[in-house]
Amino acid sequence: MDSNNLKDSKPESEESNQPFFDNLTWLSTKDAAVYLRKIRKDGQPSDGAIRTAVWRGLLKARKWGRRLFFKKVELDRLLELSLI
């Protein structure tokens, strides 16, 4: 291996200290539920609460295939405005 490549890469310990959602731009329905702390009584992420927010027009979803995806920036905006 080239020594220049080793200098550019971060040690694994630094990468593991970063929060999971900081590296993501798009979140799936389940990830959005966890990020917005929409949890059912049984402890599972509530996909239904996220889909209801889409149906009510509070969240804008993009669809790839049969799955919905959400921009993290838009989820942050909802949290700041306390709409969800």
Protein backbone atom coordinates (compact mmCIF):
# COMPACT_ATOMS: atom_id res chain seq x y z
CA MET A 1 0.00 0.00 0.00
CA ASP A 2 1.02 3.54 -0.61
CA SER A 3 1.90 5.56 2.50
CA ASN A 4 -0.09 8.55 1.19
CA ASN A 5 -3.30 6.54 1.31
CA LEU A 6 -2.71 5.69 4.95
CA LYS A 7 -2.33 9.35 5.93
CA ASP A 8 -5.61 10.37 4.29
CA SER A 9 -7.74 7.73 5.95
CA LYS A 10 -9.18 8.30 9.41
CA PRO A 11 -8.59 5.81 12.17
CA GLU A 12 -11.57 3.56 12.83
CA SER A 13 -11.90 4.86 16.40
CA GLU A 14 -12.64 8.39 15.16
CA GLU A 15 -15.27 7.17 12.71
CA SER A 16 -17.06 5.09 15.34
CA ASN A 17 -17.33 8.10 17.68
CA GLN A 18 -19.42 10.06 15.17
CA PRO A 19 -23.19 9.75 15.54
CA PHE A 20 -24.82 7.51 12.96
CA PHE A 21 -27.19 10.11 11.51
CA ASP A 22 -24.52 12.79 10.96
CA ASN A 23 -23.19 10.91 7.94
CA LEU A 24 -26.56 10.38 6.24
CA THR A 25 -28.39 12.70 3.87
CA TRP A 26 -31.35 10.40 3.12
CA LEU A 27 -33.18 8.33 5.72
CA SER A 28 -35.57 5.43 5.18
CA THR A 29 -38.98 5.40 6.87
CA LYS A 30 -37.68 3.31 9.75
CA ASP A 31 -34.57 5.48 10.18
CA ALA A 32 -36.74 8.62 10.10
CA ALA A 33 -38.94 7.17 12.85
CA VAL A 34 -35.90 6.51 15.02
CA TYR A 35 -34.46 9.97 14.28
CA LEU A 36 -37.75 11.68 15.18
CA ARG A 37 -38.18 9.35 18.18
CA LYS A 38 -41.49 7.96 16.97
CA ILE A 39 -41.50 4.67 18.85
CA ARG A 40 -44.42 2.27 19.36
CA LYS A 41 -45.30 0.86 22.77
CA ASP A 42 -43.47 -2.35 21.97
CA GLY A 43 -40.23 -0.40 21.39
CA GLN A 44 -40.15 -0.68 17.59
CA PRO A 45 -39.90 2.37 15.27
CA SER A 46 -43.34 3.52 14.13
CA ASP A 47 -43.48 3.50 10.34
CA GLY A 48 -47.17 4.36 10.59
CA ALA A 49 -46.53 7.67 12.36
CA ILE A 50 -44.11 8.72 9.61
CA ARG A 51 -46.51 7.67 6.84
CA THR A 52 -49.32 9.59 8.57
CA ALA A 53 -47.12 12.72 8.65
CA VAL A 54 -46.55 12.29 4.90
CA TRP A 55 -50.29 11.88 4.28
CA ARG A 56 -51.04 15.03 6.33
CA GLY A 57 -48.47 17.00 4.35
CA LEU A 58 -46.07 17.59 7.26
CA LEU A 59 -43.28 15.57 5.62
CA LYS A 60 -42.21 15.37 2.01
CA ALA A 61 -41.17 11.89 0.97
CA ARG A 62 -39.30 10.74 -2.11
CA LYS A 63 -40.03 7.31 -3.45
CA TRP A 64 -37.42 5.01 -4.95
CA GLY A 65 -38.91 1.73 -5.97
CA ARG A 66 -41.43 0.87 -3.29
CA ARG A 67 -39.62 2.62 -0.44
CA LEU A 68 -39.98 6.13 0.97
CA PHE A 69 -36.95 8.24 1.77
CA PHE A 70 -36.65 11.54 3.64
CA LYS A 71 -34.02 14.27 3.65
CA LYS A 72 -32.40 14.69 7.04
CA VAL A 73 -32.48 18.49 6.60
CA GLU A 74 -36.28 18.42 6.30
CA LEU A 75 -36.59 16.25 9.40
CA ASP A 76 -34.43 18.75 11.27
CA ARG A 77 -36.74 21.55 10.11
CA LEU A 78 -39.75 19.68 11.49
CA LEU A 79 -38.02 19.27 14.84
CA GLU A 80 -37.11 22.97 14.98
CA LEU A 81 -40.65 24.07 14.16
CA SER A 82 -42.12 21.46 16.54
CA LEU A 83 -44.56 20.23 13.90
CA ILE A 84 -44.07 16.58 14.83
